[in-house]
Amino acid sequence: MLLIVVASLLLGVLVGVLLLAPRDRKSGYAGKAHSYLTDNKESKTYREAEVSLHNKRTDCWIIIKNKVYDVTSYVEEHPGGDAILTHAGDDSTEGFFGPQHATRVFDMIEDFYIGDLEH
């Protein structure tokens, strides 16, 4: 009987830890590069000229609907290969909303959000 009570308590603690543990929504994508921004909830504003400097595989920012995303850590994971680099440092809105993307990318992109495009 005591063994059942102890096992039940351990199972309850384990379930509680799993339910309360923070989750990494990137599920396999490199690091938590921008968790400081999502935790802080403050967004920065960037000029198009500044975004345009981040236009390579090792430093890749994109603009989608006037929001800026640093997708550098995702470039190598992108299922469409180098297509993500087509608009590196530029507006990727049209390509992002193309038929090739499953709906899950709309949630996933928020993990890479770093700020808004200055108007």
N, C-alpha and C. Protein backbone atom coordinates (compact mmCIF):
# COMPACT_ATOMS: atom_id res chain seq x y z
N MET A 1 0.82 -1.19 0.00
CA MET A 1 0.00 0.00 0.00
C MET A 1 0.87 1.26 0.00
N LEU A 2 1.90 1.26 0.85
CA LEU A 2 2.80 2.40 0.92
C LEU A 2 3.50 2.62 -0.42
N LEU A 3 3.83 1.55 -1.10
CA LEU A 3 4.48 1.64 -2.40
C LEU A 3 3.57 2.33 -3.42
N ILE A 4 2.29 2.04 -3.38
CA ILE A 4 1.33 2.66 -4.30
C ILE A 4 1.21 4.15 -4.02
N VAL A 5 1.19 4.54 -2.76
CA VAL A 5 1.09 5.95 -2.39
C VAL A 5 2.33 6.71 -2.86
N VAL A 6 3.51 6.15 -2.63
CA VAL A 6 4.76 6.79 -3.04
C VAL A 6 4.82 6.90 -4.57
N ALA A 7 4.45 5.85 -5.26
CA ALA A 7 4.46 5.87 -6.73
C ALA A 7 3.47 6.92 -7.25
N SER A 8 2.31 7.03 -6.63
CA SER A 8 1.32 8.03 -7.04
C SER A 8 1.83 9.44 -6.82
N LEU A 9 2.50 9.67 -5.70
CA LEU A 9 3.07 10.99 -5.42
C LEU A 9 4.15 11.34 -6.44
N LEU A 10 5.03 10.41 -6.73
CA LEU A 10 6.09 10.65 -7.71
C LEU A 10 5.50 10.92 -9.09
N LEU A 11 4.49 10.18 -9.47
CA LEU A 11 3.85 10.39 -10.75
C LEU A 11 3.19 11.77 -10.80
N GLY A 12 2.55 12.18 -9.72
CA GLY A 12 1.93 13.50 -9.64
C GLY A 12 2.95 14.62 -9.78
N VAL A 13 4.09 14.47 -9.12
CA VAL A 13 5.15 15.48 -9.21
C VAL A 13 5.69 15.53 -10.63
N LEU A 14 5.91 14.39 -11.24
CA LEU A 14 6.42 14.35 -12.61
C LEU A 14 5.45 15.02 -13.59
N VAL A 15 4.18 14.73 -13.48
CA VAL A 15 3.18 15.35 -14.36
C VAL A 15 3.15 16.86 -14.13
N GLY A 16 3.22 17.28 -12.86
CA GLY A 16 3.24 18.71 -12.54
C GLY A 16 4.43 19.42 -13.16
N VAL A 17 5.60 18.81 -13.09
CA VAL A 17 6.81 19.40 -13.67
C VAL A 17 6.66 19.52 -15.19
N LEU A 18 6.14 18.49 -15.82
CA LEU A 18 5.96 18.52 -17.27
C LEU A 18 4.96 19.58 -17.70
N LEU A 19 3.93 19.79 -16.92
CA LEU A 19 2.92 20.79 -17.28
C LEU A 19 3.40 22.21 -17.04
N LEU A 20 4.26 22.40 -16.05
CA LEU A 20 4.71 23.75 -15.70
C LEU A 20 6.04 24.14 -16.33
N ALA A 21 6.75 23.18 -16.92
CA ALA A 21 8.06 23.47 -17.51
C ALA A 21 7.90 24.35 -18.74
N PRO A 22 8.79 25.34 -18.92
CA PRO A 22 8.73 26.17 -20.13
C PRO A 22 9.01 25.33 -21.36
N ARG A 23 8.37 25.69 -22.44
CA ARG A 23 8.54 24.93 -23.68
C ARG A 23 9.23 25.78 -24.72
N ASP A 24 10.10 25.15 -25.50
CA ASP A 24 10.77 25.81 -26.62
C ASP A 24 9.96 25.52 -27.88
N ARG A 25 9.23 26.52 -28.40
CA ARG A 25 8.35 26.32 -29.54
C ARG A 25 9.12 26.06 -30.82
N LYS A 26 10.40 26.26 -30.82
CA LYS A 26 11.16 26.06 -32.05
C LYS A 26 11.32 24.58 -32.39
N SER A 27 11.12 23.73 -31.43
CA SER A 27 11.18 22.28 -31.61
C SER A 27 12.24 21.84 -32.61
N GLY A 28 13.48 22.03 -32.21
CA GLY A 28 14.57 21.54 -33.03
C GLY A 28 15.31 22.62 -33.77
N TYR A 29 14.79 23.80 -33.88
CA TYR A 29 15.50 24.86 -34.58
C TYR A 29 16.52 25.46 -33.65
N ALA A 30 17.54 25.98 -34.19
CA ALA A 30 18.71 26.40 -33.43
C ALA A 30 18.39 27.46 -32.39
N GLY A 31 18.65 27.11 -31.14
CA GLY A 31 18.69 28.06 -30.04
C GLY A 31 17.46 28.85 -29.72
N LYS A 32 17.64 29.73 -28.74
CA LYS A 32 16.59 30.64 -28.32
C LYS A 32 17.09 32.05 -28.55
N ALA A 33 17.50 32.32 -29.76
CA ALA A 33 18.19 33.56 -30.08
C ALA A 33 17.43 34.81 -29.70
N HIS A 34 16.11 34.76 -29.71
CA HIS A 34 15.37 35.98 -29.46
C HIS A 34 14.43 35.90 -28.28
N SER A 35 14.69 34.96 -27.37
CA SER A 35 13.80 34.84 -26.22
C SER A 35 13.83 36.10 -25.38
N TYR A 36 14.95 36.83 -25.39
CA TYR A 36 15.01 38.06 -24.62
C TYR A 36 14.00 39.08 -25.12
N LEU A 37 13.67 39.06 -26.38
CA LEU A 37 12.68 40.01 -26.91
C LEU A 37 11.26 39.56 -26.61
N THR A 38 10.99 38.28 -26.74
CA THR A 38 9.64 37.83 -26.47
C THR A 38 9.35 37.87 -24.97
N ASP A 39 10.37 37.67 -24.14
CA ASP A 39 10.18 37.78 -22.70
C ASP A 39 9.96 39.23 -22.30
N ASN A 40 10.68 40.13 -22.93
CA ASN A 40 10.63 41.54 -22.60
C ASN A 40 9.38 42.21 -23.15
N LYS A 41 8.84 41.70 -24.22
CA LYS A 41 7.64 42.22 -24.88
C LYS A 41 7.82 43.62 -25.46
N GLU A 42 9.03 44.14 -25.47
CA GLU A 42 9.28 45.42 -26.10
C GLU A 42 9.81 45.15 -27.50
N SER A 43 9.33 45.93 -28.46
CA SER A 43 9.85 45.74 -29.80
C SER A 43 10.66 46.95 -30.20
N LYS A 44 11.63 46.70 -31.02
CA LYS A 44 12.50 47.73 -31.53
C LYS A 44 12.02 48.10 -32.93
N THR A 45 12.39 49.27 -33.38
CA THR A 45 12.04 49.71 -34.72
C THR A 45 13.30 49.75 -35.58
N TYR A 46 13.21 49.24 -36.80
CA TYR A 46 14.34 49.18 -37.71
C TYR A 46 14.01 49.90 -39.01
N ARG A 47 15.01 50.54 -39.58
CA ARG A 47 14.87 51.15 -40.91
C ARG A 47 15.16 50.10 -41.97
N GLU A 48 14.59 50.29 -43.15
CA GLU A 48 14.83 49.35 -44.25
C GLU A 48 16.32 49.24 -44.56
N ALA A 49 17.04 50.35 -44.48
CA ALA A 49 18.48 50.33 -44.77
C ALA A 49 19.22 49.43 -43.79
N GLU A 50 18.81 49.44 -42.53
CA GLU A 50 19.47 48.58 -41.54
C GLU A 50 19.15 47.11 -41.81
N VAL A 51 17.90 46.81 -42.11
CA VAL A 51 17.51 45.43 -42.41
C VAL A 51 18.27 44.93 -43.63
N SER A 52 18.46 45.78 -44.62
CA SER A 52 19.12 45.36 -45.86
C SER A 52 20.56 44.89 -45.65
N LEU A 53 21.19 45.29 -44.56
CA LEU A 53 22.56 44.86 -44.26
C LEU A 53 22.63 43.39 -43.84
N HIS A 54 21.52 42.84 -43.43
CA HIS A 54 21.46 41.47 -42.93
C HIS A 54 20.93 40.56 -44.04
N ASN A 55 21.77 40.35 -45.05
CA ASN A 55 21.32 39.73 -46.30
C ASN A 55 22.11 38.50 -46.71
N LYS A 56 22.62 37.77 -45.74
CA LYS A 56 23.39 36.57 -46.10
C LYS A 56 23.02 35.39 -45.19
N ARG A 57 23.48 34.25 -45.58
CA ARG A 57 23.17 33.00 -44.86
C ARG A 57 23.51 33.09 -43.37
N THR A 58 24.60 33.71 -43.04
CA THR A 58 25.05 33.77 -41.65
C THR A 58 24.50 34.98 -40.89
N ASP A 59 23.70 35.77 -41.55
CA ASP A 59 23.09 36.96 -40.94
C ASP A 59 21.88 37.34 -41.80
N CYS A 60 20.74 36.73 -41.51
CA CYS A 60 19.59 36.83 -42.40
C CYS A 60 18.36 37.39 -41.67
N TRP A 61 17.99 38.60 -42.04
CA TRP A 61 16.76 39.22 -41.55
C TRP A 61 15.80 39.35 -42.72
N ILE A 62 14.52 39.24 -42.42
CA ILE A 62 13.50 39.44 -43.44
C ILE A 62 12.38 40.32 -42.89
N ILE A 63 11.63 40.91 -43.79
CA ILE A 63 10.48 41.73 -43.42
C ILE A 63 9.23 41.02 -43.92
N ILE A 64 8.25 40.89 -43.02
CA ILE A 64 6.96 40.32 -43.39
C ILE A 64 5.89 41.22 -42.79
N LYS A 65 5.10 41.83 -43.66
CA LYS A 65 4.03 42.74 -43.23
C LYS A 65 4.53 43.78 -42.22
N ASN A 66 5.61 44.44 -42.56
CA ASN A 66 6.19 45.52 -41.76
C ASN A 66 6.70 45.09 -40.39
N LYS A 67 6.96 43.81 -40.23
CA LYS A 67 7.61 43.29 -39.03
C LYS A 67 8.96 42.71 -39.45
N VAL A 68 9.94 42.83 -38.58
CA VAL A 68 11.29 42.37 -38.88
C VAL A 68 11.57 41.08 -38.10
N TYR A 69 12.14 40.11 -38.82
CA TYR A 69 12.46 38.81 -38.24
C TYR A 69 13.91 38.45 -38.53
N ASP A 70 14.61 37.99 -37.50
CA ASP A 70 15.97 37.48 -37.68
C ASP A 70 15.86 35.96 -37.81
N VAL A 71 15.95 35.47 -39.03
CA VAL A 71 15.77 34.04 -39.30
C VAL A 71 17.10 33.32 -39.53
N THR A 72 18.18 33.94 -39.11
CA THR A 72 19.51 33.36 -39.31
C THR A 72 19.59 31.93 -38.81
N SER A 73 19.07 31.69 -37.61
CA SER A 73 19.17 30.35 -37.03
C SER A 73 18.28 29.34 -37.75
N TYR A 74 17.40 29.79 -38.61
CA TYR A 74 16.48 28.91 -39.32
C TYR A 74 16.90 28.62 -40.77
N VAL A 75 17.82 29.40 -41.29
CA VAL A 75 18.20 29.28 -42.70
C VAL A 75 18.56 27.84 -43.07
N GLU A 76 19.37 27.18 -42.28
CA GLU A 76 19.81 25.82 -42.61
C GLU A 76 18.69 24.79 -42.44
N GLU A 77 17.68 25.12 -41.65
CA GLU A 77 16.55 24.21 -41.40
C GLU A 77 15.42 24.40 -42.40
N HIS A 78 15.45 25.46 -43.18
CA HIS A 78 14.35 25.81 -44.06
C HIS A 78 14.09 24.70 -45.08
N PRO A 79 12.88 24.13 -45.06
CA PRO A 79 12.59 23.02 -45.98
C PRO A 79 12.70 23.40 -47.46
N GLY A 80 12.56 24.67 -47.76
CA GLY A 80 12.68 25.12 -49.15
C GLY A 80 14.09 25.47 -49.54
N GLY A 81 15.06 25.03 -48.74
CA GLY A 81 16.47 25.29 -49.04
C GLY A 81 16.79 26.77 -49.04
N ASP A 82 17.54 27.20 -50.03
CA ASP A 82 18.01 28.58 -50.10
C ASP A 82 16.95 29.58 -50.54
N ALA A 83 15.73 29.12 -50.77
CA ALA A 83 14.67 30.05 -51.18
C ALA A 83 14.47 31.15 -50.14
N ILE A 84 14.74 30.84 -48.90
CA ILE A 84 14.59 31.84 -47.84
C ILE A 84 15.57 33.00 -48.03
N LEU A 85 16.67 32.74 -48.73
CA LEU A 85 17.69 33.77 -48.95
C LEU A 85 17.35 34.69 -50.13
N THR A 86 16.34 34.34 -50.90
CA THR A 86 15.95 35.15 -52.06
C THR A 86 15.67 36.59 -51.68
N HIS A 87 15.04 36.78 -50.53
CA HIS A 87 14.71 38.13 -50.08
C HIS A 87 15.39 38.45 -48.75
N ALA A 88 16.54 37.87 -48.51
CA ALA A 88 17.29 38.17 -47.29
C ALA A 88 17.60 39.66 -47.24
N GLY A 89 17.29 40.29 -46.13
CA GLY A 89 17.51 41.71 -45.98
C GLY A 89 16.46 42.56 -46.67
N ASP A 90 15.37 41.94 -47.07
CA ASP A 90 14.36 42.64 -47.87
C ASP A 90 12.96 42.15 -47.46
N ASP A 91 11.95 42.64 -48.16
CA ASP A 91 10.57 42.26 -47.88
C ASP A 91 10.27 40.87 -48.44
N SER A 92 9.86 39.97 -47.56
CA SER A 92 9.56 38.59 -47.94
C SER A 92 8.07 38.28 -47.82
N THR A 93 7.25 39.30 -47.70
CA THR A 93 5.82 39.10 -47.46
C THR A 93 5.18 38.22 -48.53
N GLU A 94 5.40 38.54 -49.78
CA GLU A 94 4.76 37.79 -50.87
C GLU A 94 5.17 36.32 -50.85
N GLY A 95 6.46 36.06 -50.72
CA GLY A 95 6.94 34.68 -50.69
C GLY A 95 6.47 33.93 -49.46
N PHE A 96 6.42 34.61 -48.33
CA PHE A 96 6.00 33.97 -47.08
C PHE A 96 4.56 33.49 -47.16
N PHE A 97 3.71 34.28 -47.76
CA PHE A 97 2.30 33.91 -47.85
C PHE A 97 1.97 33.09 -49.09
N GLY A 98 2.99 32.55 -49.72
CA GLY A 98 2.79 31.71 -50.90
C GLY A 98 2.18 30.36 -50.54
N PRO A 99 1.72 29.62 -51.53
CA PRO A 99 1.03 28.34 -51.31
C PRO A 99 1.94 27.24 -50.78
N GLN A 100 3.24 27.42 -50.83
CA GLN A 100 4.17 26.39 -50.40
C GLN A 100 4.25 26.24 -48.88
N HIS A 101 3.76 27.21 -48.13
CA HIS A 101 3.88 27.17 -46.68
C HIS A 101 2.64 26.59 -46.01
N ALA A 102 2.87 25.68 -45.10
CA ALA A 102 1.79 25.14 -44.28
C ALA A 102 1.40 26.19 -43.24
N THR A 103 0.23 26.06 -42.69
CA THR A 103 -0.26 27.07 -41.73
C THR A 103 0.60 27.17 -40.47
N ARG A 104 1.34 26.15 -40.13
CA ARG A 104 2.16 26.19 -38.91
C ARG A 104 3.25 27.26 -38.98
N VAL A 105 3.67 27.65 -40.19
CA VAL A 105 4.71 28.68 -40.29
C VAL A 105 4.23 30.02 -39.76
N PHE A 106 2.93 30.25 -39.76
CA PHE A 106 2.40 31.52 -39.28
C PHE A 106 2.59 31.66 -37.77
N ASP A 107 2.54 30.55 -37.05
CA ASP A 107 2.84 30.56 -35.61
C ASP A 107 4.34 30.55 -35.38
N MET A 108 5.05 29.77 -36.16
CA MET A 108 6.49 29.60 -35.97
C MET A 108 7.27 30.90 -36.20
N ILE A 109 6.84 31.72 -37.15
CA ILE A 109 7.60 32.93 -37.49
C ILE A 109 7.72 33.88 -36.30
N GLU A 110 6.76 33.87 -35.42
CA GLU A 110 6.79 34.78 -34.27
C GLU A 110 7.99 34.52 -33.35
N ASP A 111 8.53 33.31 -33.40
CA ASP A 111 9.71 33.00 -32.59
C ASP A 111 10.93 33.80 -33.04
N PHE A 112 10.90 34.34 -34.26
CA PHE A 112 12.04 35.04 -34.82
C PHE A 112 11.84 36.56 -34.87
N TYR A 113 10.72 37.03 -34.38
CA TYR A 113 10.37 38.46 -34.41
C TYR A 113 11.35 39.27 -33.57
N ILE A 114 11.88 40.35 -34.16
CA ILE A 114 12.80 41.21 -33.41
C ILE A 114 12.33 42.66 -33.36
N GLY A 115 11.36 43.04 -34.19
CA GLY A 115 10.89 44.42 -34.14
C GLY A 115 10.03 44.78 -35.33
N ASP A 116 9.72 46.05 -35.42
CA ASP A 116 8.86 46.57 -36.47
C ASP A 116 9.67 47.41 -37.47
N LEU A 117 9.16 47.48 -38.67
CA LEU A 117 9.77 48.30 -39.70
C LEU A 117 9.34 49.75 -39.48
N GLU A 118 10.29 50.65 -39.49
CA GLU A 118 9.98 52.06 -39.31
C GLU A 118 9.27 52.58 -40.55
N HIS A 119 8.24 53.37 -40.34
CA HIS A 119 7.48 53.95 -41.47
C HIS A 119 7.94 55.35 -41.77
